[in-house]
Amino acid sequence: MNEALFFAFLLVFVRCSAMLLSSPMFGAQNTPLPVRIFTTLAISAAMTLAINPAKSAAPPDLGSLSMAIAGEVAAGLLLGFFMSMVLQAAQLAGAIMDLQLGLSMSQVMNPVSGVQVTILAQFKFMLGTVLYLCLDGHHQMLTAFANSYKAMPALGVSTMPVLLHNVVGMISGISILALQIAAPVMAVSLVVDAALGIINKAVPQMQTMVVGMPAKIMIGMVALGVALPALATGINSGIGFSMDSLGRIFQMK
């Protein structure tokens, strides 16, 4: 143990803390604080020895130290943000389904983020979390964390345009993925709305929307159940897309 190794561990700990804070599951509000701290310490200690990051002397002044820590925080938040966007796609898809089926007024508390979300958004988020674990998304996140020390250039003003381009591309790709996950329910809802509109034209005296709402919800739930396996494909595609986006950022392409 020397000054260079301790400083390297400090930088790895800061990057790991920022990554876990913004990542799925590890950054959940209901995760006990001691669990977060000891998990971060264990991963940081293992990564410091396994990665063997460039050991340099500690900065001579507080300004240089602050800049080094700020760079590690930015890199960690970037890693966690890209992986958490996968579950945000599932939650966004659930919110779109709720909006189409008329369930957007019913909301529950998301214990992970601590905010109010709709019912199907909560269901998709929790199911997406399980699929994220089953597909080894957390292991791929740790792999990206290790590779970031080998390939990621220093974040600065010169790399900001490329970084923003890839972040915007990631957000647009995740939004399209959410629409693809919600597409079956959206299609069924559109057909039911069209049928109710025709009935309303044929029988103006009937309160079509009030009468047809239970049928719309029932048919939508059937479509949700039939298309449920597609969520696994969507989560898998989202993880792959996130890893590809991180790879482009690492190489700054």
C-alpha atoms as a PDB file:
ATOM      1  CA  MET A   1       0.000   0.000   0.000  1.00  0.00           C
ATOM      2  CA  ASN A   2       1.434   3.317  -1.060  1.00  0.00           C
ATOM      3  CA  GLU A   3       0.210   6.777  -1.991  1.00  0.00           C
ATOM      4  CA  ALA A   4      -0.229   5.973  -5.703  1.00  0.00           C
ATOM      5  CA  LEU A   5      -2.275   2.834  -5.030  1.00  0.00           C
ATOM      6  CA  PHE A   6      -4.464   4.629  -2.498  1.00  0.00           C
ATOM      7  CA  PHE A   7      -5.092   7.460  -4.965  1.00  0.00           C
ATOM      8  CA  ALA A   8      -5.968   4.931  -7.698  1.00  0.00           C
ATOM      9  CA  PHE A   9      -8.418   3.238  -5.330  1.00  0.00           C
ATOM     10  CA  LEU A  10      -9.973   6.614  -4.521  1.00  0.00           C
ATOM     11  CA  LEU A  11     -10.584   7.356  -8.201  1.00  0.00           C
ATOM     12  CA  VAL A  12     -12.030   3.880  -8.829  1.00  0.00           C
ATOM     13  CA  PHE A  13     -14.257   4.252  -5.758  1.00  0.00           C
ATOM     14  CA  VAL A  14     -15.589   7.613  -6.979  1.00  0.00           C
ATOM     15  CA  ARG A  15     -16.340   6.266 -10.469  1.00  0.00           C
ATOM     16  CA  CYS A  16     -17.944   3.115  -9.060  1.00  0.00           C
ATOM     17  CA  SER A  17     -20.055   5.145  -6.602  1.00  0.00           C
ATOM     18  CA  ALA A  18     -21.358   7.403  -9.369  1.00  0.00           C
ATOM     19  CA  MET A  19     -22.088   4.408 -11.611  1.00  0.00           C
ATOM     20  CA  LEU A  20     -23.994   2.466  -8.966  1.00  0.00           C
ATOM     21  CA  LEU A  21     -25.861   5.585  -7.867  1.00  0.00           C
ATOM     22  CA  SER A  22     -27.310   6.086 -11.353  1.00  0.00           C
ATOM     23  CA  SER A  23     -27.626   2.415 -12.325  1.00  0.00           C
ATOM     24  CA  PRO A  24     -30.633   0.087 -12.060  1.00  0.00           C
ATOM     25  CA  MET A  25     -31.230  -1.673  -8.723  1.00  0.00           C
ATOM     26  CA  PHE A  26     -28.037  -0.515  -7.034  1.00  0.00           C
ATOM     27  CA  GLY A  27     -29.242   3.083  -7.040  1.00  0.00           C
ATOM     28  CA  ALA A  28     -32.728   2.273  -5.734  1.00  0.00           C
ATOM     29  CA  GLN A  29     -33.937   4.405  -2.862  1.00  0.00           C
ATOM     30  CA  ASN A  30     -35.074   1.371  -0.881  1.00  0.00           C
ATOM     31  CA  THR A  31     -31.567  -0.159  -0.946  1.00  0.00           C
ATOM     32  CA  PRO A  32     -30.056   0.256   2.559  1.00  0.00           C
ATOM     33  CA  LEU A  33     -27.163   2.697   2.725  1.00  0.00           C
ATOM     34  CA  PRO A  34     -24.720   0.215   4.363  1.00  0.00           C
ATOM     35  CA  VAL A  35     -25.387  -2.217   1.505  1.00  0.00           C
ATOM     36  CA  ARG A  36     -24.583   0.480  -1.035  1.00  0.00           C
ATOM     37  CA  ILE A  37     -21.385   1.499   0.733  1.00  0.00           C
ATOM     38  CA  PHE A  38     -19.980  -1.994   1.258  1.00  0.00           C
ATOM     39  CA  THR A  39     -20.974  -3.081  -2.263  1.00  0.00           C
ATOM     40  CA  THR A  40     -19.145  -0.078  -3.705  1.00  0.00           C
ATOM     41  CA  LEU A  41     -16.087  -0.743  -1.514  1.00  0.00           C
ATOM     42  CA  ALA A  42     -15.970  -4.412  -2.519  1.00  0.00           C
ATOM     43  CA  ILE A  43     -16.308  -3.706  -6.242  1.00  0.00           C
ATOM     44  CA  SER A  44     -13.791  -0.843  -6.083  1.00  0.00           C
ATOM     45  CA  ALA A  45     -11.202  -2.910  -4.228  1.00  0.00           C
ATOM     46  CA  ALA A  46     -11.560  -5.817  -6.666  1.00  0.00           C
ATOM     47  CA  MET A  47     -11.493  -3.550  -9.704  1.00  0.00           C
ATOM     48  CA  THR A  48      -8.435  -1.647  -8.482  1.00  0.00           C
ATOM     49  CA  LEU A  49      -6.426  -4.863  -8.293  1.00  0.00           C
ATOM     50  CA  ALA A  50      -7.905  -6.442 -11.434  1.00  0.00           C
ATOM     51  CA  ILE A  51      -7.817  -3.403 -13.725  1.00  0.00           C
ATOM     52  CA  ASN A  52      -4.520  -2.066 -12.372  1.00  0.00           C
ATOM     53  CA  PRO A  53      -5.297   1.502 -13.445  1.00  0.00           C
ATOM     54  CA  ALA A  54      -2.472   3.871 -14.172  1.00  0.00           C
ATOM     55  CA  LYS A  55      -0.974   4.687 -10.822  1.00  0.00           C
ATOM     56  CA  SER A  56       0.199   8.242 -10.620  1.00  0.00           C
ATOM     57  CA  ALA A  57       1.105  10.447  -7.750  1.00  0.00           C
ATOM     58  CA  ALA A  58      -1.679  12.366  -6.082  1.00  0.00           C
ATOM     59  CA  PRO A  59      -2.222  15.878  -7.482  1.00  0.00           C
ATOM     60  CA  PRO A  60      -0.172  18.520  -5.717  1.00  0.00           C
ATOM     61  CA  ASP A  61      -3.075  20.933  -5.251  1.00  0.00           C
ATOM     62  CA  LEU A  62      -6.765  20.813  -4.448  1.00  0.00           C
ATOM     63  CA  GLY A  63      -7.811  22.101  -7.876  1.00  0.00           C
ATOM     64  CA  SER A  64      -6.184  19.218  -9.751  1.00  0.00           C
ATOM     65  CA  LEU A  65      -7.665  16.742  -7.297  1.00  0.00           C
ATOM     66  CA  SER A  66     -11.136  18.228  -7.781  1.00  0.00           C
ATOM     67  CA  MET A  67     -10.812  18.007 -11.573  1.00  0.00           C
ATOM     68  CA  ALA A  68      -9.728  14.370 -11.381  1.00  0.00           C
ATOM     69  CA  ILE A  69     -12.653  13.492  -9.115  1.00  0.00           C
ATOM     70  CA  ALA A  70     -15.094  15.422 -11.339  1.00  0.00           C
ATOM     71  CA  GLY A  71     -13.929  13.421 -14.358  1.00  0.00           C
ATOM     72  CA  GLU A  72     -14.471  10.141 -12.509  1.00  0.00           C
ATOM     73  CA  VAL A  73     -17.942  11.227 -11.409  1.00  0.00           C
ATOM     74  CA  ALA A  74     -18.884  12.143 -14.988  1.00  0.00           C
ATOM     75  CA  ALA A  75     -17.630   8.813 -16.320  1.00  0.00           C
ATOM     76  CA  GLY A  76     -19.485   6.851 -13.628  1.00  0.00           C
ATOM     77  CA  LEU A  77     -22.738   8.713 -14.148  1.00  0.00           C
ATOM     78  CA  LEU A  78     -22.442   8.110 -17.878  1.00  0.00           C
ATOM     79  CA  LEU A  79     -22.068   4.349 -17.387  1.00  0.00           C
ATOM     80  CA  GLY A  80     -24.991   4.099 -14.972  1.00  0.00           C
ATOM     81  CA  PHE A  81     -27.229   6.398 -17.003  1.00  0.00           C
ATOM     82  CA  PHE A  82     -26.871   4.384 -20.194  1.00  0.00           C
ATOM     83  CA  MET A  83     -27.763   1.128 -18.422  1.00  0.00           C
ATOM     84  CA  SER A  84     -30.688   2.639 -16.501  1.00  0.00           C
ATOM     85  CA  MET A  85     -32.190   3.892 -19.763  1.00  0.00           C
ATOM     86  CA  VAL A  86     -32.999   0.275 -20.635  1.00  0.00           C
ATOM     87  CA  LEU A  87     -35.473   0.028 -17.756  1.00  0.00           C
ATOM     88  CA  GLN A  88     -36.737   3.516 -18.482  1.00  0.00           C
ATOM     89  CA  ALA A  89     -37.742   2.226 -21.935  1.00  0.00           C
ATOM     90  CA  ALA A  90     -39.844  -0.493 -20.309  1.00  0.00           C
ATOM     91  CA  GLN A  91     -41.439   2.033 -17.938  1.00  0.00           C
ATOM     92  CA  LEU A  92     -42.148   4.445 -20.802  1.00  0.00           C
ATOM     93  CA  ALA A  93     -43.768   1.619 -22.770  1.00  0.00           C
ATOM     94  CA  GLY A  94     -46.033   0.861 -19.803  1.00  0.00           C
ATOM     95  CA  ALA A  95     -46.977   4.531 -19.501  1.00  0.00           C
ATOM     96  CA  ILE A  96     -47.931   4.611 -23.194  1.00  0.00           C
ATOM     97  CA  MET A  97     -50.076   1.508 -22.723  1.00  0.00           C
ATOM     98  CA  ASP A  98     -51.832   3.079 -19.732  1.00  0.00           C
ATOM     99  CA  LEU A  99     -52.526   6.187 -21.767  1.00  0.00           C
ATOM    100  CA  GLN A 100     -54.034   4.150 -24.603  1.00  0.00           C
ATOM    101  CA  LEU A 101     -56.174   1.978 -22.318  1.00  0.00           C
ATOM    102  CA  GLY A 102     -57.405   4.826 -20.131  1.00  0.00           C
ATOM    103  CA  LEU A 103     -55.506   3.747 -17.015  1.00  0.00           C
ATOM    104  CA  SER A 104     -53.228   6.768 -16.778  1.00  0.00           C
ATOM    105  CA  MET A 105     -55.180   8.204 -13.813  1.00  0.00           C
ATOM    106  CA  SER A 106     -54.401   5.206 -11.612  1.00  0.00           C
ATOM    107  CA  GLN A 107     -50.925   5.629 -10.157  1.00  0.00           C
ATOM    108  CA  VAL A 108     -48.776   3.806  -7.623  1.00  0.00           C
ATOM    109  CA  MET A 109     -45.493   4.574  -5.902  1.00  0.00           C
ATOM    110  CA  ASN A 110     -42.366   3.215  -7.563  1.00  0.00           C
ATOM    111  CA  PRO A 111     -40.168   2.062  -4.649  1.00  0.00           C
ATOM    112  CA  VAL A 112     -37.021   2.236  -6.775  1.00  0.00           C
ATOM    113  CA  SER A 113     -37.260   5.826  -7.998  1.00  0.00           C
ATOM    114  CA  GLY A 114     -39.638   7.128  -5.323  1.00  0.00           C
ATOM    115  CA  VAL A 115     -42.030   8.786  -7.797  1.00  0.00           C
ATOM    116  CA  GLN A 116     -45.629   8.147  -8.806  1.00  0.00           C
ATOM    117  CA  VAL A 117     -46.030   6.031 -11.948  1.00  0.00           C
ATOM    118  CA  THR A 118     -48.986   4.384 -13.656  1.00  0.00           C
ATOM    119  CA  ILE A 119     -49.913   0.754 -13.038  1.00  0.00           C
ATOM    120  CA  LEU A 120     -48.622  -0.799 -16.252  1.00  0.00           C
ATOM    121  CA  ALA A 121     -45.517   1.406 -16.122  1.00  0.00           C
ATOM    122  CA  GLN A 122     -44.751  -0.010 -12.676  1.00  0.00           C
ATOM    123  CA  PHE A 123     -45.464  -3.543 -13.891  1.00  0.00           C
ATOM    124  CA  LYS A 124     -43.204  -3.161 -16.923  1.00  0.00           C
ATOM    125  CA  PHE A 125     -40.453  -1.588 -14.826  1.00  0.00           C
ATOM    126  CA  MET A 126     -40.415  -4.361 -12.221  1.00  0.00           C
ATOM    127  CA  LEU A 127     -40.625  -7.095 -14.867  1.00  0.00           C
ATOM    128  CA  GLY A 128     -37.892  -5.352 -16.841  1.00  0.00           C
ATOM    129  CA  THR A 129     -35.699  -5.361 -13.726  1.00  0.00           C
ATOM    130  CA  VAL A 130     -36.093  -9.132 -13.402  1.00  0.00           C
ATOM    131  CA  LEU A 131     -35.298  -9.602 -17.091  1.00  0.00           C
ATOM    132  CA  TYR A 132     -32.330  -7.257 -16.736  1.00  0.00           C
ATOM    133  CA  LEU A 133     -30.892  -9.562 -14.074  1.00  0.00           C
ATOM    134  CA  CYS A 134     -31.714 -12.734 -16.001  1.00  0.00           C
ATOM    135  CA  LEU A 135     -29.952 -11.369 -19.096  1.00  0.00           C
ATOM    136  CA  ASP A 136     -26.838 -10.488 -17.037  1.00  0.00           C
ATOM    137  CA  GLY A 137     -27.256  -6.781 -17.615  1.00  0.00           C
ATOM    138  CA  HIS A 138     -25.516  -6.019 -14.310  1.00  0.00           C
ATOM    139  CA  HIS A 139     -22.524  -8.126 -15.357  1.00  0.00           C
ATOM    140  CA  GLN A 140     -22.323  -6.297 -18.670  1.00  0.00           C
ATOM    141  CA  MET A 141     -22.393  -3.016 -16.773  1.00  0.00           C
ATOM    142  CA  LEU A 142     -19.402  -4.135 -14.692  1.00  0.00           C
ATOM    143  CA  THR A 143     -17.660  -5.226 -17.895  1.00  0.00           C
ATOM    144  CA  ALA A 144     -18.238  -1.764 -19.367  1.00  0.00           C
ATOM    145  CA  PHE A 145     -16.918  -0.285 -16.125  1.00  0.00           C
ATOM    146  CA  ALA A 146     -13.708  -2.296 -16.463  1.00  0.00           C
ATOM    147  CA  ASN A 147     -13.344  -1.467 -20.164  1.00  0.00           C
ATOM    148  CA  SER A 148     -13.796   2.231 -19.471  1.00  0.00           C
ATOM    149  CA  TYR A 149     -10.312   2.325 -17.940  1.00  0.00           C
ATOM    150  CA  LYS A 150      -8.808   0.842 -21.090  1.00  0.00           C
ATOM    151  CA  ALA A 151     -10.596   2.789 -23.802  1.00  0.00           C
ATOM    152  CA  MET A 152     -12.456   5.836 -22.471  1.00  0.00           C
ATOM    153  CA  PRO A 153     -10.585   9.079 -23.194  1.00  0.00           C
ATOM    154  CA  ALA A 154     -10.557  11.959 -20.765  1.00  0.00           C
ATOM    155  CA  LEU A 155     -13.847  13.839 -20.798  1.00  0.00           C
ATOM    156  CA  GLY A 156     -13.411  17.471 -21.697  1.00  0.00           C
ATOM    157  CA  VAL A 157     -14.524  20.292 -23.954  1.00  0.00           C
ATOM    158  CA  SER A 158     -13.040  18.645 -27.052  1.00  0.00           C
ATOM    159  CA  THR A 159     -14.993  15.410 -26.533  1.00  0.00           C
ATOM    160  CA  MET A 160     -18.292  17.097 -25.648  1.00  0.00           C
ATOM    161  CA  PRO A 161     -19.799  17.183 -29.200  1.00  0.00           C
ATOM    162  CA  VAL A 162     -19.242  13.451 -29.722  1.00  0.00           C
ATOM    163  CA  LEU A 163     -20.543  12.713 -26.231  1.00  0.00           C
ATOM    164  CA  LEU A 164     -23.716  14.745 -26.771  1.00  0.00           C
ATOM    165  CA  HIS A 165     -24.270  13.099 -30.157  1.00  0.00           C
ATOM    166  CA  ASN A 166     -24.137   9.613 -28.638  1.00  0.00           C
ATOM    167  CA  VAL A 167     -26.306  10.586 -25.651  1.00  0.00           C
ATOM    168  CA  VAL A 168     -28.992  12.032 -27.940  1.00  0.00           C
ATOM    169  CA  GLY A 169     -28.764   8.924 -30.120  1.00  0.00           C
ATOM    170  CA  MET A 170     -29.176   6.738 -27.032  1.00  0.00           C
ATOM    171  CA  ILE A 171     -32.274   8.627 -25.896  1.00  0.00           C
ATOM    172  CA  SER A 172     -33.863   8.478 -29.357  1.00  0.00           C
ATOM    173  CA  GLY A 173     -33.102   4.750 -29.666  1.00  0.00           C
ATOM    174  CA  ILE A 174     -34.603   4.006 -26.263  1.00  0.00           C
ATOM    175  CA  SER A 175     -37.715   6.016 -27.156  1.00  0.00           C
ATOM    176  CA  ILE A 176     -38.173   3.977 -30.334  1.00  0.00           C
ATOM    177  CA  LEU A 177     -37.663   0.793 -28.308  1.00  0.00           C
ATOM    178  CA  ALA A 178     -40.417   1.873 -25.898  1.00  0.00           C
ATOM    179  CA  LEU A 179     -42.808   2.430 -28.811  1.00  0.00           C
ATOM    180  CA  GLN A 180     -41.947  -1.006 -30.197  1.00  0.00           C
ATOM    181  CA  ILE A 181     -42.679  -2.660 -26.836  1.00  0.00           C
ATOM    182  CA  ALA A 182     -46.014  -0.843 -26.572  1.00  0.00           C
ATOM    183  CA  ALA A 183     -46.931  -1.343 -30.256  1.00  0.00           C
ATOM    184  CA  PRO A 184     -49.245  -4.397 -29.813  1.00  0.00           C
ATOM    185  CA  VAL A 185     -51.408  -2.681 -27.206  1.00  0.00           C
ATOM    186  CA  MET A 186     -51.380   0.559 -29.204  1.00  0.00           C
ATOM    187  CA  ALA A 187     -52.567  -1.292 -32.323  1.00  0.00           C
ATOM    188  CA  VAL A 188     -55.372  -3.068 -30.468  1.00  0.00           C
ATOM    189  CA  SER A 189     -56.423   0.196 -28.821  1.00  0.00           C
ATOM    190  CA  LEU A 190     -56.540   1.918 -32.206  1.00  0.00           C
ATOM    191  CA  VAL A 191     -58.751  -0.833 -33.659  1.00  0.00           C
ATOM    192  CA  VAL A 192     -61.107  -0.735 -30.659  1.00  0.00           C
ATOM    193  CA  ASP A 193     -61.342   3.072 -30.825  1.00  0.00           C
ATOM    194  CA  ALA A 194     -62.163   2.853 -34.525  1.00  0.00           C
ATOM    195  CA  ALA A 195     -64.862   0.248 -33.850  1.00  0.00           C
ATOM    196  CA  LEU A 196     -66.354   2.359 -31.070  1.00  0.00           C
ATOM    197  CA  GLY A 197     -66.340   5.373 -33.382  1.00  0.00           C
ATOM    198  CA  ILE A 198     -68.288   3.441 -36.030  1.00  0.00           C
ATOM    199  CA  ILE A 199     -70.796   2.264 -33.414  1.00  0.00           C
ATOM    200  CA  ASN A 200     -71.175   5.816 -32.184  1.00  0.00           C
ATOM    201  CA  LYS A 201     -71.988   6.985 -35.721  1.00  0.00           C
ATOM    202  CA  ALA A 202     -74.525   4.175 -36.144  1.00  0.00           C
ATOM    203  CA  VAL A 203     -76.161   4.607 -32.718  1.00  0.00           C
ATOM    204  CA  PRO A 204     -75.639   8.238 -31.585  1.00  0.00           C
ATOM    205  CA  GLN A 205     -77.856   7.763 -28.514  1.00  0.00           C
ATOM    206  CA  MET A 206     -75.491   5.172 -27.021  1.00  0.00           C
ATOM    207  CA  GLN A 207     -72.721   6.360 -24.703  1.00  0.00           C
ATOM    208  CA  THR A 208     -70.173   4.396 -26.683  1.00  0.00           C
ATOM    209  CA  MET A 209     -67.034   5.428 -24.834  1.00  0.00           C
ATOM    210  CA  VAL A 210     -68.538   4.658 -21.426  1.00  0.00           C
ATOM    211  CA  VAL A 211     -69.933   1.309 -22.537  1.00  0.00           C
ATOM    212  CA  GLY A 212     -66.864   0.332 -24.528  1.00  0.00           C
ATOM    213  CA  MET A 213     -64.234   1.275 -21.928  1.00  0.00           C
ATOM    214  CA  PRO A 214     -64.361  -2.068 -20.048  1.00  0.00           C
ATOM    215  CA  ALA A 215     -64.136  -3.942 -23.349  1.00  0.00           C
ATOM    216  CA  LYS A 216     -61.190  -1.787 -24.394  1.00  0.00           C
ATOM    217  CA  ILE A 217     -59.351  -2.518 -21.149  1.00  0.00           C
ATOM    218  CA  MET A 218     -60.114  -6.237 -21.374  1.00  0.00           C
ATOM    219  CA  ILE A 219     -58.919  -6.540 -24.993  1.00  0.00           C
ATOM    220  CA  GLY A 220     -55.879  -4.445 -24.158  1.00  0.00           C
ATOM    221  CA  MET A 221     -54.953  -6.759 -21.280  1.00  0.00           C
ATOM    222  CA  VAL A 222     -55.274  -9.768 -23.583  1.00  0.00           C
ATOM    223  CA  ALA A 223     -52.954  -8.087 -26.086  1.00  0.00           C
ATOM    224  CA  LEU A 224     -50.571  -7.231 -23.241  1.00  0.00           C
ATOM    225  CA  GLY A 225     -50.437 -10.861 -22.157  1.00  0.00           C
ATOM    226  CA  VAL A 226     -49.926 -12.163 -25.684  1.00  0.00           C
ATOM    227  CA  ALA A 227     -47.122  -9.663 -26.383  1.00  0.00           C
ATOM    228  CA  LEU A 228     -45.467 -10.059 -22.979  1.00  0.00           C
ATOM    229  CA  PRO A 229     -42.603 -12.274 -24.275  1.00  0.00           C
ATOM    230  CA  ALA A 230     -41.603  -9.418 -26.569  1.00  0.00           C
ATOM    231  CA  LEU A 231     -40.485  -7.477 -23.491  1.00  0.00           C
ATOM    232  CA  ALA A 232     -37.569  -9.893 -23.021  1.00  0.00           C
ATOM    233  CA  THR A 233     -36.471  -9.233 -26.600  1.00  0.00           C
ATOM    234  CA  GLY A 234     -36.831  -5.501 -26.032  1.00  0.00           C
ATOM    235  CA  ILE A 235     -34.742  -5.541 -22.842  1.00  0.00           C
ATOM    236  CA  ASN A 236     -32.076  -7.635 -24.561  1.00  0.00           C
ATOM    237  CA  SER A 237     -32.009  -5.232 -27.507  1.00  0.00           C
ATOM    238  CA  GLY A 238     -31.840  -2.278 -25.131  1.00  0.00           C
ATOM    239  CA  ILE A 239     -28.849  -3.736 -23.279  1.00  0.00           C
ATOM    240  CA  GLY A 240     -27.063  -4.380 -26.565  1.00  0.00           C
ATOM    241  CA  PHE A 241     -27.860  -0.880 -27.801  1.00  0.00           C
ATOM    242  CA  SER A 242     -26.566   0.641 -24.556  1.00  0.00           C
ATOM    243  CA  MET A 243     -23.334  -1.341 -24.790  1.00  0.00           C
ATOM    244  CA  ASP A 244     -22.862  -0.261 -28.412  1.00  0.00           C
ATOM    245  CA  SER A 245     -23.440   3.373 -27.479  1.00  0.00           C
ATOM    246  CA  LEU A 246     -20.942   3.116 -24.639  1.00  0.00           C
ATOM    247  CA  GLY A 247     -18.461   1.505 -27.031  1.00  0.00           C
ATOM    248  CA  ARG A 248     -18.792   4.454 -29.409  1.00  0.00           C
ATOM    249  CA  ILE A 249     -18.241   6.845 -26.523  1.00  0.00           C
ATOM    250  CA  PHE A 250     -15.189   4.893 -25.372  1.00  0.00           C
ATOM    251  CA  GLN A 251     -13.710   5.243 -28.835  1.00  0.00           C
ATOM    252  CA  MET A 252     -15.253   8.683 -29.304  1.00  0.00           C
ATOM    253  CA  LYS A 253     -16.742   7.926 -32.709  1.00  0.00           C
END
